[in-house]
Amino acid sequence: MTMRKVSLTGIKPTGDPHIGNYVGSIKPALDLAKKFDARYFIADYHALNQIKDPKLLKDYIYEIAAAWLACGLNPDEVLFYRQSDVPETFDLATILMASTPKGLLNRAHAYKAMIQTNQAEGKDQDIGVNMGLYTYPVLMSADILLFDTNFVPVGKDQFQHIEMAADIAQALNYAYKDDVLVIPEPYSTPSTQTVIGLDGRKMSKSYNNTIPMFLPEKKLRKRIMKIVTNSQVIEEPKDPETCSVFTLYKLFASEEQIEALKQRYLAGGMGWGDAKQELFLVLNEHLSPYREKYDVLIQDRPYIDKLLKEGSEKARTIAGETIRRVRKAIGIG
């Protein structure tokens, strides 16, 4: 029997996801379970660099767990755990530090971006830089390497983190003249178009232009009605290919629905309110089952705790094997 390759997806707890997260991240990541031995973890230690409110962080962890479970993550078929429940991660991170050149961390995108911002504002370049941010690539490498990961699904802008993990693993393997750690590769899912937000820019919480996945029907419709459109009157034909409403509609509608709405755009006689109503109908139909599951899950924190505890116990079994192998190779085990 051929063993399936391992994929690993880290999920930073940042609150309820929006439809841009769903299309660009959640759905493609969950689809990996069809092809790989898929593993998913909530990266709560990574979140500490930004979140200093303990209650908020705890709420975010439950919200993101409920969201992924509602969207179809099945803990009976994949591994689902919380990063902080697997202390072997931090054992490995400490070991990896000894194989990580400072120059490699100096080139990390997030660190360089903060330094450049500080310099542009005439500040000391290290203002606001904590060691959590600076060593972020090492902890991420430990997350990946601990589970003998073959592939990590990331967007092209995140390839650097996986390349760093590969560099660190290769450095350790070279130092101890053995294939101690599996060399990971970035896995690029088929590119999806940028999900447009309410104002025509990329949907992002930083722009406050999102459509949250789990809004109740009335609030979802109200949010959709806020999408910015041009000043064309009802009678005028409209170009569907330059319209944010139609762009979003195509992500959730069937081919037949897309063609029918396109013809209404081109024929004229349809107002923007009608177009937004069509988007609401198709989006609400798609999201309703997820919303119903989420509303139940988010009220049952003990159930989520149970799932994460069970997943973490399974994760520690795998992680323990890796740590024992690494410790033996470096002369500690």
Protein backbone atom coordinates (compact mmCIF):
# COMPACT_ATOMS: atom_id res chain seq x y z
CA MET A 1 0.00 0.00 0.00
CA THR A 2 1.40 3.40 -1.04
CA MET A 3 1.46 5.96 1.76
CA ARG A 4 -0.15 9.26 0.85
CA LYS A 5 1.94 12.40 0.99
CA VAL A 6 1.36 14.73 3.94
CA SER A 7 -0.07 18.24 3.62
CA LEU A 8 -0.15 20.70 6.51
CA THR A 9 -2.29 23.81 6.84
CA GLY A 10 -1.79 26.38 9.60
CA ILE A 11 -4.80 28.51 10.52
CA LYS A 12 -4.13 31.74 12.40
CA PRO A 13 -7.05 32.63 14.71
CA THR A 14 -8.29 36.02 13.53
CA GLY A 15 -12.04 35.82 14.13
CA ASP A 16 -14.91 34.96 11.82
CA PRO A 17 -13.78 34.43 8.21
CA HIS A 18 -15.27 36.33 5.29
CA ILE A 19 -16.14 34.94 1.87
CA GLY A 20 -12.72 35.94 0.55
CA ASN A 21 -11.14 33.64 3.17
CA TYR A 22 -13.57 30.89 2.22
CA VAL A 23 -12.92 31.04 -1.53
CA GLY A 24 -9.19 31.69 -1.33
CA SER A 25 -8.16 29.62 1.67
CA ILE A 26 -10.70 27.43 3.46
CA LYS A 27 -12.24 25.61 0.50
CA PRO A 28 -8.93 24.90 -1.31
CA ALA A 29 -7.33 23.73 1.95
CA LEU A 30 -10.17 21.36 2.77
CA ASP A 31 -10.06 19.95 -0.75
CA LEU A 32 -6.51 18.73 -0.02
CA ALA A 33 -7.97 15.92 2.10
CA LYS A 34 -9.06 14.23 -1.13
CA LYS A 35 -5.45 13.92 -2.27
CA PHE A 36 -3.20 13.99 0.80
CA ASP A 37 -2.94 12.86 4.39
CA ALA A 38 -4.20 16.29 5.40
CA ARG A 39 -3.38 17.94 8.72
CA TYR A 40 -4.70 21.25 10.04
CA PHE A 41 -3.73 23.22 13.13
CA ILE A 42 -4.81 26.43 14.84
CA ALA A 43 -1.68 28.58 15.09
CA ASP A 44 -2.45 30.28 18.39
CA TYR A 45 1.19 30.91 19.36
CA HIS A 46 1.75 32.69 16.05
CA ALA A 47 -1.18 34.96 16.90
CA LEU A 48 0.58 36.26 20.01
CA ASN A 49 2.64 38.66 17.90
CA GLN A 50 -0.51 40.67 17.17
CA ILE A 51 -3.09 39.78 19.84
CA LYS A 52 -2.39 40.79 23.45
CA ASP A 53 -5.95 40.39 24.77
CA PRO A 54 -6.32 36.87 26.26
CA LYS A 55 -10.12 36.82 26.08
CA LEU A 56 -10.08 37.96 22.46
CA LEU A 57 -7.53 35.30 21.52
CA LYS A 58 -9.60 32.58 23.22
CA ASP A 59 -12.75 33.77 21.41
CA TYR A 60 -10.90 33.78 18.08
CA ILE A 61 -9.69 30.22 18.62
CA TYR A 62 -13.25 28.97 19.14
CA GLU A 63 -14.56 31.04 16.23
CA ILE A 64 -11.99 29.78 13.75
CA ALA A 65 -12.38 26.18 14.91
CA ALA A 66 -16.17 26.40 14.56
CA ALA A 67 -15.81 28.02 11.15
CA TRP A 68 -13.60 25.30 9.68
CA LEU A 69 -15.71 22.54 11.20
CA ALA A 70 -18.86 24.15 9.80
CA CYS A 71 -17.27 24.36 6.35
CA GLY A 72 -16.61 20.63 6.26
CA LEU A 73 -13.44 19.82 8.17
CA ASN A 74 -13.99 16.28 9.47
CA PRO A 75 -11.76 15.48 12.48
CA ASP A 76 -12.51 11.76 12.01
CA GLU A 77 -10.80 11.85 8.61
CA VAL A 78 -8.05 14.46 9.07
CA LEU A 79 -5.80 15.62 11.90
CA PHE A 80 -7.06 18.80 13.58
CA TYR A 81 -5.24 20.22 16.59
CA ARG A 82 -4.13 23.37 18.40
CA GLN A 83 -0.48 24.38 18.10
CA SER A 84 -0.08 25.22 21.79
CA ASP A 85 -1.23 21.71 22.78
CA VAL A 86 1.79 20.14 21.08
CA PRO A 87 4.88 21.12 23.15
CA GLU A 88 7.11 19.05 20.87
CA THR A 89 6.76 21.97 18.45
CA PHE A 90 8.81 24.14 20.79
CA ASP A 91 11.38 21.41 21.43
CA LEU A 92 12.01 21.26 17.71
CA ALA A 93 11.98 25.06 17.32
CA THR A 94 14.80 25.31 19.90
CA ILE A 95 16.82 22.66 18.06
CA LEU A 96 16.25 24.37 14.72
CA MET A 97 17.55 27.69 16.08
CA ALA A 98 21.04 26.14 16.10
CA SER A 99 20.76 25.47 12.35
CA THR A 100 19.23 28.82 11.37
CA PRO A 101 21.55 31.60 10.13
CA LYS A 102 20.67 35.08 11.35
CA GLY A 103 21.02 36.30 7.79
CA LEU A 104 18.16 34.03 6.75
CA LEU A 105 15.83 35.61 9.32
CA ASN A 106 16.98 39.08 8.28
CA ARG A 107 15.48 38.39 4.85
CA ALA A 108 12.02 37.38 6.10
CA HIS A 109 9.35 39.50 4.42
CA ALA A 110 7.42 40.51 7.56
CA TYR A 111 10.58 41.56 9.40
CA LYS A 112 11.95 43.50 6.41
CA ALA A 113 8.61 45.23 5.90
CA MET A 114 8.52 46.47 9.49
CA ILE A 115 12.10 47.72 9.32
CA GLN A 116 11.43 49.54 6.05
CA THR A 117 8.32 51.18 7.53
CA ASN A 118 10.26 52.33 10.58
CA GLN A 119 13.06 53.72 8.45
CA ALA A 120 10.61 55.54 6.18
CA GLU A 121 9.07 57.17 9.26
CA GLY A 122 12.47 58.16 10.64
CA LYS A 123 12.26 55.77 13.60
CA ASP A 124 14.75 53.31 15.03
CA GLN A 125 14.51 50.35 12.67
CA ASP A 126 13.74 47.88 15.49
CA ILE A 127 10.83 49.78 17.02
CA GLY A 128 7.92 47.34 17.41
CA VAL A 129 9.99 44.31 16.42
CA ASN A 130 9.69 41.54 18.98
CA MET A 131 11.54 38.24 18.86
CA GLY A 132 8.29 36.47 18.09
CA LEU A 133 8.14 38.33 14.79
CA TYR A 134 11.86 37.93 14.11
CA THR A 135 11.92 34.17 14.78
CA TYR A 136 8.49 33.56 13.25
CA PRO A 137 10.03 31.55 10.36
CA VAL A 138 11.73 29.17 12.81
CA LEU A 139 8.53 28.41 14.71
CA MET A 140 6.72 27.95 11.41
CA SER A 141 9.48 25.61 10.27
CA ALA A 142 9.02 23.58 13.45
CA ASP A 143 5.27 23.38 12.78
CA ILE A 144 5.99 21.99 9.34
CA LEU A 145 9.00 19.74 9.96
CA LEU A 146 7.58 18.12 13.09
CA PHE A 147 4.98 16.29 11.01
CA ASP A 148 7.16 15.09 8.13
CA THR A 149 5.22 17.42 5.87
CA ASN A 150 5.66 17.06 2.13
CA PHE A 151 3.48 19.94 1.00
CA VAL A 152 2.26 23.20 2.54
CA PRO A 153 -0.54 24.98 0.66
CA VAL A 154 0.29 28.67 0.39
CA GLY A 155 -0.18 31.57 -1.94
CA LYS A 156 2.84 32.63 -3.96
CA ASP A 157 3.47 35.52 -1.57
CA GLN A 158 4.04 32.95 1.20
CA PHE A 159 6.46 30.70 -0.68
CA GLN A 160 9.38 32.25 1.21
CA HIS A 161 8.30 30.71 4.52
CA ILE A 162 8.27 27.21 3.07
CA GLU A 163 11.58 27.77 1.32
CA MET A 164 13.04 28.86 4.66
CA ALA A 165 11.75 25.69 6.33
CA ALA A 166 13.39 23.67 3.56
CA ASP A 167 16.68 25.58 3.99
CA ILE A 168 16.68 25.01 7.76
CA ALA A 169 15.89 21.31 7.37
CA GLN A 170 18.63 20.88 4.79
CA ALA A 171 21.12 22.65 7.06
CA LEU A 172 20.33 20.27 9.93
CA ASN A 173 20.43 17.22 7.68
CA TYR A 174 23.79 18.32 6.30
CA ALA A 175 25.25 18.99 9.74
CA TYR A 176 24.33 15.52 11.00
CA LYS A 177 24.92 13.74 7.67
CA ASP A 178 21.53 12.07 7.67
CA ASP A 179 18.03 12.62 6.27
CA VAL A 180 16.69 13.50 9.69
CA LEU A 181 13.97 15.86 8.48
CA VAL A 182 11.66 15.67 5.47
CA ILE A 183 12.20 18.57 3.06
CA PRO A 184 8.87 20.36 2.53
CA GLU A 185 7.65 22.02 -0.65
CA PRO A 186 5.12 24.82 -1.17
CA TYR A 187 1.91 23.61 -2.75
CA SER A 188 0.19 26.13 -4.94
CA THR A 189 -3.48 25.43 -5.46
CA PRO A 190 -5.04 26.50 -8.79
CA SER A 191 -5.17 30.26 -8.60
CA THR A 192 -8.54 31.82 -7.94
CA GLN A 193 -9.38 35.35 -8.93
CA THR A 194 -9.05 38.03 -6.30
CA VAL A 195 -12.24 38.23 -4.28
CA ILE A 196 -13.59 41.75 -4.55
CA GLY A 197 -14.79 43.59 -1.47
CA LEU A 198 -17.63 46.07 -0.98
CA ASP A 199 -15.57 48.97 -2.31
CA GLY A 200 -14.05 47.26 -5.36
CA ARG A 201 -10.70 46.58 -3.69
CA LYS A 202 -9.49 43.17 -2.58
CA MET A 203 -11.70 41.89 0.23
CA SER A 204 -9.76 42.41 3.45
CA LYS A 205 -10.48 43.12 7.11
CA SER A 206 -7.86 45.86 6.95
CA TYR A 207 -10.05 47.66 4.38
CA ASN A 208 -13.26 46.98 6.33
CA ASN A 209 -14.87 45.87 3.06
CA THR A 210 -15.69 42.24 3.82
CA ILE A 211 -18.78 40.04 3.67
CA PRO A 212 -18.53 37.78 6.76
CA MET A 213 -19.51 34.18 6.09
CA PHE A 214 -21.89 33.69 8.98
CA LEU A 215 -24.00 36.83 8.99
CA PRO A 216 -27.73 36.23 9.57
CA GLU A 217 -29.84 36.58 6.42
CA LYS A 218 -31.04 40.13 7.05
CA LYS A 219 -27.55 41.39 7.90
CA LEU A 220 -26.09 39.55 4.92
CA ARG A 221 -28.54 41.23 2.56
CA LYS A 222 -27.88 44.63 4.16
CA ARG A 223 -24.12 44.13 3.72
CA ILE A 224 -24.49 43.13 0.06
CA MET A 225 -26.60 46.20 -0.63
CA LYS A 226 -23.60 48.32 0.41
CA ILE A 227 -21.50 47.15 -2.56
CA VAL A 228 -20.33 50.20 -4.47
CA THR A 229 -21.65 50.46 -8.05
CA ASN A 230 -21.60 53.15 -10.72
CA SER A 231 -24.32 55.70 -11.49
CA GLN A 232 -25.88 53.98 -14.51
CA VAL A 233 -29.67 54.15 -14.58
CA ILE A 234 -31.97 51.13 -14.82
CA GLU A 235 -32.56 51.41 -18.57
CA GLU A 236 -28.89 51.32 -19.55
CA PRO A 237 -27.14 48.09 -20.54
CA LYS A 238 -24.34 47.28 -18.10
CA ASP A 239 -20.98 45.57 -18.46
CA PRO A 240 -20.93 42.49 -16.20
CA GLU A 241 -17.19 42.06 -16.53
CA THR A 242 -16.46 45.37 -14.77
CA CYS A 243 -19.03 44.96 -12.02
CA SER A 244 -18.12 43.89 -8.49
CA VAL A 245 -21.57 42.42 -7.93
CA PHE A 246 -21.28 40.14 -10.96
CA THR A 247 -17.70 39.19 -10.08
CA LEU A 248 -18.87 37.94 -6.68
CA TYR A 249 -21.94 36.29 -8.21
CA LYS A 250 -19.76 34.14 -10.47
CA LEU A 251 -17.99 32.63 -7.46
CA PHE A 252 -21.19 31.02 -6.14
CA ALA A 253 -23.66 30.67 -9.01
CA SER A 254 -24.07 27.85 -11.53
CA GLU A 255 -23.07 28.29 -15.17
CA GLU A 256 -26.75 28.62 -16.10
CA GLN A 257 -27.34 31.28 -13.45
CA ILE A 258 -24.25 33.20 -14.52
CA GLU A 259 -25.31 33.27 -18.17
CA ALA A 260 -28.87 34.31 -17.32
CA LEU A 261 -27.74 37.24 -15.16
CA LYS A 262 -25.17 38.24 -17.77
CA GLN A 263 -27.89 38.59 -20.37
CA ARG A 264 -29.95 40.74 -18.02
CA TYR A 265 -26.92 43.04 -17.61
CA LEU A 266 -26.43 43.36 -21.35
CA ALA A 267 -30.12 43.86 -22.17
CA GLY A 268 -30.65 46.81 -19.84
CA GLY A 269 -33.73 47.33 -17.72
CA MET A 270 -32.13 45.97 -14.55
CA GLY A 271 -31.15 48.19 -11.63
CA TRP A 272 -28.25 47.67 -9.30
CA GLY A 273 -30.62 46.78 -6.49
CA ASP A 274 -31.92 43.86 -8.58
CA ALA A 275 -28.37 42.67 -9.30
CA LYS A 276 -27.46 42.82 -5.62
CA GLN A 277 -30.64 40.90 -4.74
CA GLU A 278 -29.60 38.12 -7.15
CA LEU A 279 -26.19 38.00 -5.47
CA PHE A 280 -27.83 37.82 -2.05
CA LEU A 281 -30.07 34.92 -3.11
CA VAL A 282 -27.28 32.78 -4.49
CA LEU A 283 -24.84 33.63 -1.70
CA ASN A 284 -27.40 33.01 1.04
CA GLU A 285 -28.32 29.65 -0.47
CA HIS A 286 -24.65 28.64 -0.55
CA LEU A 287 -23.81 29.85 2.96
CA SER A 288 -26.98 28.84 4.84
CA PRO A 289 -25.88 25.25 5.62
CA TYR A 290 -22.51 26.50 6.91
CA ARG A 291 -24.16 29.23 8.95
CA GLU A 292 -26.56 26.77 10.59
CA LYS A 293 -23.70 24.46 11.58
CA TYR A 294 -21.57 27.36 12.80
CA ASP A 295 -24.36 28.75 14.99
CA VAL A 296 -24.65 25.39 16.75
CA LEU A 297 -20.89 24.81 17.08
CA ILE A 298 -20.01 28.24 18.44
CA GLN A 299 -22.44 27.68 21.32
CA ASP A 300 -20.81 24.37 22.29
CA ARG A 301 -17.29 25.19 23.42
CA PRO A 302 -16.90 21.92 25.38
CA TYR A 303 -17.45 20.00 22.13
CA ILE A 304 -14.77 22.05 20.34
CA ASP A 305 -12.43 21.55 23.32
CA LYS A 306 -13.01 17.80 23.09
CA LEU A 307 -12.23 17.68 19.37
CA LEU A 308 -9.07 19.75 19.75
CA LYS A 309 -7.91 17.67 22.72
CA GLU A 310 -8.40 14.43 20.81
CA GLY A 311 -6.64 15.88 17.78
CA SER A 312 -3.74 17.15 19.84
CA GLU A 313 -3.26 13.73 21.43
CA LYS A 314 -3.00 12.18 17.96
CA ALA A 315 -0.67 14.98 16.87
CA ARG A 316 1.62 14.40 19.85
CA THR A 317 1.98 10.73 18.92
CA ILE A 318 3.32 11.72 15.50
CA ALA A 319 5.37 14.61 16.89
CA GLY A 320 6.94 12.39 19.55
CA GLU A 321 8.31 10.05 16.90
CA THR A 322 9.91 12.97 15.07
CA ILE A 323 11.45 14.44 18.22
CA ARG A 324 12.91 11.08 19.23
CA ARG A 325 14.45 10.72 15.78
CA VAL A 326 15.90 14.23 15.87
CA ARG A 327 17.21 13.96 19.42
CA LYS A 328 18.96 10.69 18.56
CA ALA A 329 20.54 12.25 15.47
CA ILE A 330 21.91 15.26 17.35
CA GLY A 331 23.24 13.25 20.28
CA ILE A 332 20.72 14.18 22.95
CA GLY A 333 18.33 11.22 22.77
